Amino acid sequence: MEKDKSRIKVEGVMQITEVIANLEKLAADMKAGLVTLAAGDESLTLRPSVLVNVDMKASQKKDKEKFALEISWKKHKEMDGFAGE
């Protein structure tokens, strides 16, 4: 059985205000039940499950600080005739 795999990655230097706007959009999207990430002319839409795995890490070195957030979930199988809210 072949696995479907799509990936979009956004990285680079941004102003903190842009990062905040992206995180606020992420929160709003998750409340709506969808997460869409776009890079150039490509986009990927995910549908988070009700239960998610969360991994948050923070580290501090002499001249660098880092915060990482990873959210993952298993795809849920939609029931026939169920139109989610």
N, C-alpha and C. Protein backbone atom coordinates (compact mmCIF):
# COMPACT_ATOMS: atom_id res chain seq x y z
N MET A 1 0.84 -1.18 0.00
CA MET A 1 0.00 0.00 0.00
C MET A 1 0.88 1.25 0.00
N GLU A 2 0.65 2.12 -0.94
CA GLU A 2 1.46 3.32 -1.07
C GLU A 2 0.91 4.45 -0.20
N LYS A 3 1.78 5.12 0.49
CA LYS A 3 1.36 6.23 1.36
C LYS A 3 1.33 7.53 0.57
N ASP A 4 0.28 8.33 0.80
CA ASP A 4 0.22 9.67 0.22
C ASP A 4 1.05 10.57 1.10
N LYS A 5 1.95 11.33 0.49
CA LYS A 5 2.78 12.22 1.30
C LYS A 5 2.96 13.54 0.57
N SER A 6 2.58 14.59 1.23
CA SER A 6 2.77 15.94 0.70
C SER A 6 3.47 16.74 1.78
N ARG A 7 4.28 17.68 1.35
CA ARG A 7 5.01 18.49 2.32
C ARG A 7 5.20 19.90 1.79
N ILE A 8 4.99 20.84 2.68
CA ILE A 8 5.29 22.25 2.39
C ILE A 8 6.07 22.77 3.58
N LYS A 9 7.11 23.49 3.30
CA LYS A 9 7.96 24.02 4.36
C LYS A 9 8.13 25.52 4.17
N VAL A 10 7.93 26.25 5.25
CA VAL A 10 8.14 27.70 5.22
C VAL A 10 9.22 28.00 6.25
N GLU A 11 10.28 28.61 5.81
CA GLU A 11 11.34 28.98 6.74
C GLU A 11 12.04 30.23 6.24
N GLY A 12 12.69 30.89 7.14
CA GLY A 12 13.40 32.10 6.78
C GLY A 12 13.31 33.12 7.90
N VAL A 13 13.85 34.27 7.66
CA VAL A 13 13.84 35.34 8.66
C VAL A 13 12.59 36.18 8.45
N MET A 14 11.85 36.41 9.54
CA MET A 14 10.63 37.24 9.50
C MET A 14 10.67 38.20 10.67
N GLN A 15 9.94 39.28 10.55
CA GLN A 15 9.76 40.17 11.69
C GLN A 15 8.83 39.48 12.67
N ILE A 16 9.00 39.74 13.95
CA ILE A 16 8.19 39.08 14.98
C ILE A 16 6.71 39.35 14.77
N THR A 17 6.35 40.52 14.24
CA THR A 17 4.94 40.82 13.99
C THR A 17 4.35 39.88 12.94
N GLU A 18 5.14 39.50 11.97
CA GLU A 18 4.68 38.55 10.94
C GLU A 18 4.52 37.15 11.53
N VAL A 19 5.44 36.77 12.41
CA VAL A 19 5.35 35.48 13.10
C VAL A 19 4.08 35.43 13.94
N ILE A 20 3.82 36.50 14.66
CA ILE A 20 2.61 36.58 15.51
C ILE A 20 1.36 36.46 14.65
N ALA A 21 1.32 37.16 13.52
CA ALA A 21 0.17 37.09 12.61
C ALA A 21 -0.03 35.67 12.11
N ASN A 22 1.06 34.98 11.78
CA ASN A 22 0.97 33.59 11.31
C ASN A 22 0.44 32.67 12.41
N LEU A 23 0.89 32.88 13.64
CA LEU A 23 0.42 32.05 14.76
C LEU A 23 -1.05 32.33 15.07
N GLU A 24 -1.46 33.59 14.97
CA GLU A 24 -2.86 33.93 15.20
C GLU A 24 -3.75 33.31 14.12
N LYS A 25 -3.28 33.31 12.87
CA LYS A 25 -4.03 32.68 11.78
C LYS A 25 -4.10 31.17 12.01
N LEU A 26 -3.02 30.58 12.47
CA LEU A 26 -3.00 29.16 12.77
C LEU A 26 -4.05 28.82 13.83
N ALA A 27 -4.10 29.61 14.89
CA ALA A 27 -5.08 29.38 15.96
C ALA A 27 -6.50 29.50 15.42
N ALA A 28 -6.77 30.52 14.61
CA ALA A 28 -8.11 30.70 14.04
C ALA A 28 -8.46 29.54 13.11
N ASP A 29 -7.50 29.12 12.29
CA ASP A 29 -7.72 27.99 11.38
C ASP A 29 -8.03 26.72 12.16
N MET A 30 -7.28 26.47 13.22
CA MET A 30 -7.50 25.26 14.01
C MET A 30 -8.88 25.28 14.67
N LYS A 31 -9.31 26.44 15.12
CA LYS A 31 -10.66 26.56 15.69
C LYS A 31 -11.72 26.22 14.65
N ALA A 32 -11.43 26.53 13.38
CA ALA A 32 -12.36 26.24 12.28
C ALA A 32 -12.23 24.81 11.78
N GLY A 33 -11.23 24.07 12.28
CA GLY A 33 -11.08 22.68 11.90
C GLY A 33 -10.18 22.42 10.71
N LEU A 34 -9.48 23.44 10.25
CA LEU A 34 -8.58 23.30 9.11
C LEU A 34 -7.27 24.04 9.38
N VAL A 35 -6.21 23.56 8.78
CA VAL A 35 -4.94 24.28 8.82
C VAL A 35 -4.42 24.31 7.39
N THR A 36 -4.21 25.49 6.85
CA THR A 36 -3.70 25.62 5.49
C THR A 36 -2.37 26.35 5.53
N LEU A 37 -1.39 25.76 4.85
CA LEU A 37 -0.07 26.38 4.75
C LEU A 37 0.24 26.55 3.27
N ALA A 38 0.69 27.74 2.90
CA ALA A 38 1.00 28.03 1.51
C ALA A 38 2.43 28.51 1.39
N ALA A 39 3.07 28.09 0.33
CA ALA A 39 4.43 28.53 0.01
C ALA A 39 4.51 28.66 -1.51
N GLY A 40 4.65 29.89 -1.97
CA GLY A 40 4.66 30.11 -3.41
C GLY A 40 3.30 29.76 -3.99
N ASP A 41 3.29 28.93 -5.03
CA ASP A 41 2.03 28.55 -5.65
C ASP A 41 1.49 27.21 -5.13
N GLU A 42 2.12 26.69 -4.08
CA GLU A 42 1.67 25.43 -3.50
C GLU A 42 1.00 25.68 -2.16
N SER A 43 0.01 24.86 -1.84
CA SER A 43 -0.62 24.93 -0.53
C SER A 43 -1.04 23.53 -0.10
N LEU A 44 -1.18 23.37 1.20
CA LEU A 44 -1.56 22.10 1.78
C LEU A 44 -2.55 22.38 2.90
N THR A 45 -3.69 21.70 2.87
CA THR A 45 -4.71 21.87 3.90
C THR A 45 -4.82 20.60 4.72
N LEU A 46 -4.74 20.75 6.01
CA LEU A 46 -4.83 19.63 6.95
C LEU A 46 -6.10 19.78 7.78
N ARG A 47 -6.59 18.67 8.29
CA ARG A 47 -7.78 18.68 9.13
C ARG A 47 -7.43 18.04 10.47
N PRO A 48 -7.11 18.87 11.46
CA PRO A 48 -6.71 18.33 12.77
C PRO A 48 -7.80 17.48 13.41
N SER A 49 -7.37 16.49 14.13
CA SER A 49 -8.26 15.64 14.89
C SER A 49 -8.64 16.35 16.18
N VAL A 50 -9.58 15.80 16.92
CA VAL A 50 -9.98 16.39 18.19
C VAL A 50 -8.86 16.27 19.22
N LEU A 51 -8.14 15.15 19.18
CA LEU A 51 -6.99 14.94 20.06
C LEU A 51 -5.71 15.04 19.25
N VAL A 52 -4.76 15.84 19.74
CA VAL A 52 -3.50 16.03 19.03
C VAL A 52 -2.32 15.80 19.97
N ASN A 53 -1.21 15.43 19.41
CA ASN A 53 0.04 15.32 20.16
C ASN A 53 0.74 16.67 20.07
N VAL A 54 1.24 17.15 21.19
CA VAL A 54 1.92 18.45 21.22
C VAL A 54 3.32 18.26 21.78
N ASP A 55 4.29 18.85 21.11
CA ASP A 55 5.68 18.80 21.55
C ASP A 55 6.21 20.23 21.52
N MET A 56 6.44 20.82 22.70
CA MET A 56 7.00 22.17 22.78
C MET A 56 8.38 22.09 23.44
N LYS A 57 9.32 22.78 22.86
CA LYS A 57 10.68 22.79 23.39
C LYS A 57 11.21 24.22 23.41
N ALA A 58 11.95 24.54 24.44
CA ALA A 58 12.62 25.83 24.52
C ALA A 58 14.05 25.59 24.96
N SER A 59 14.98 26.34 24.37
CA SER A 59 16.38 26.22 24.78
C SER A 59 17.03 27.59 24.74
N GLN A 60 18.09 27.70 25.51
CA GLN A 60 18.79 28.97 25.64
C GLN A 60 20.29 28.68 25.65
N LYS A 61 21.00 29.37 24.79
CA LYS A 61 22.46 29.29 24.77
C LYS A 61 22.98 30.70 24.99
N LYS A 62 24.28 30.83 24.98
CA LYS A 62 24.90 32.12 25.25
C LYS A 62 24.31 33.25 24.38
N ASP A 63 24.26 33.04 23.07
CA ASP A 63 23.82 34.11 22.18
C ASP A 63 22.62 33.72 21.30
N LYS A 64 21.92 32.63 21.67
CA LYS A 64 20.80 32.18 20.85
C LYS A 64 19.72 31.53 21.72
N GLU A 65 18.47 31.88 21.42
CA GLU A 65 17.34 31.24 22.08
C GLU A 65 16.48 30.59 21.01
N LYS A 66 15.77 29.53 21.40
CA LYS A 66 15.01 28.77 20.42
C LYS A 66 13.73 28.25 21.05
N PHE A 67 12.64 28.31 20.28
CA PHE A 67 11.36 27.74 20.70
C PHE A 67 10.83 26.94 19.52
N ALA A 68 10.45 25.70 19.76
CA ALA A 68 9.92 24.84 18.70
C ALA A 68 8.57 24.28 19.13
N LEU A 69 7.65 24.23 18.20
CA LEU A 69 6.32 23.71 18.44
C LEU A 69 5.99 22.71 17.34
N GLU A 70 5.60 21.52 17.73
CA GLU A 70 5.16 20.51 16.77
C GLU A 70 3.82 19.97 17.24
N ILE A 71 2.86 19.96 16.33
CA ILE A 71 1.53 19.44 16.61
C ILE A 71 1.26 18.36 15.57
N SER A 72 0.89 17.17 16.02
CA SER A 72 0.61 16.09 15.08
C SER A 72 -0.62 15.32 15.51
N TRP A 73 -1.21 14.60 14.59
CA TRP A 73 -2.41 13.80 14.87
C TRP A 73 -2.54 12.72 13.82
N LYS A 74 -3.32 11.75 14.14
CA LYS A 74 -3.64 10.69 13.20
C LYS A 74 -4.88 11.13 12.42
N LYS A 75 -4.87 10.83 11.13
CA LYS A 75 -6.04 11.14 10.31
C LYS A 75 -7.21 10.32 10.81
N HIS A 76 -8.36 10.94 10.88
CA HIS A 76 -9.56 10.21 11.26
C HIS A 76 -10.34 9.85 10.01
N LYS A 77 -10.90 8.68 10.03
CA LYS A 77 -11.69 8.23 8.88
C LYS A 77 -13.08 8.81 9.02
N GLU A 78 -13.51 9.50 7.96
CA GLU A 78 -14.84 10.10 8.00
C GLU A 78 -15.89 9.03 7.80
N MET A 79 -16.96 9.17 8.54
CA MET A 79 -18.07 8.24 8.41
C MET A 79 -18.90 8.62 7.19
N ASP A 80 -19.43 7.61 6.50
CA ASP A 80 -20.29 7.86 5.35
C ASP A 80 -21.47 8.73 5.77
N GLY A 81 -21.73 9.77 4.99
CA GLY A 81 -22.87 10.61 5.26
C GLY A 81 -22.64 11.64 6.37
N PHE A 82 -21.48 11.66 6.98
CA PHE A 82 -21.19 12.62 8.04
C PHE A 82 -20.54 13.84 7.42
N ALA A 83 -21.11 14.99 7.67
CA ALA A 83 -20.62 16.22 7.06
C ALA A 83 -19.94 17.13 8.05
N GLY A 84 -19.27 16.67 9.05
CA GLY A 84 -18.55 17.45 10.06
C GLY A 84 -19.00 18.89 10.20
N GLU A 85 -18.73 19.49 11.32
CA GLU A 85 -19.15 20.86 11.57
C GLU A 85 -18.00 21.81 11.40
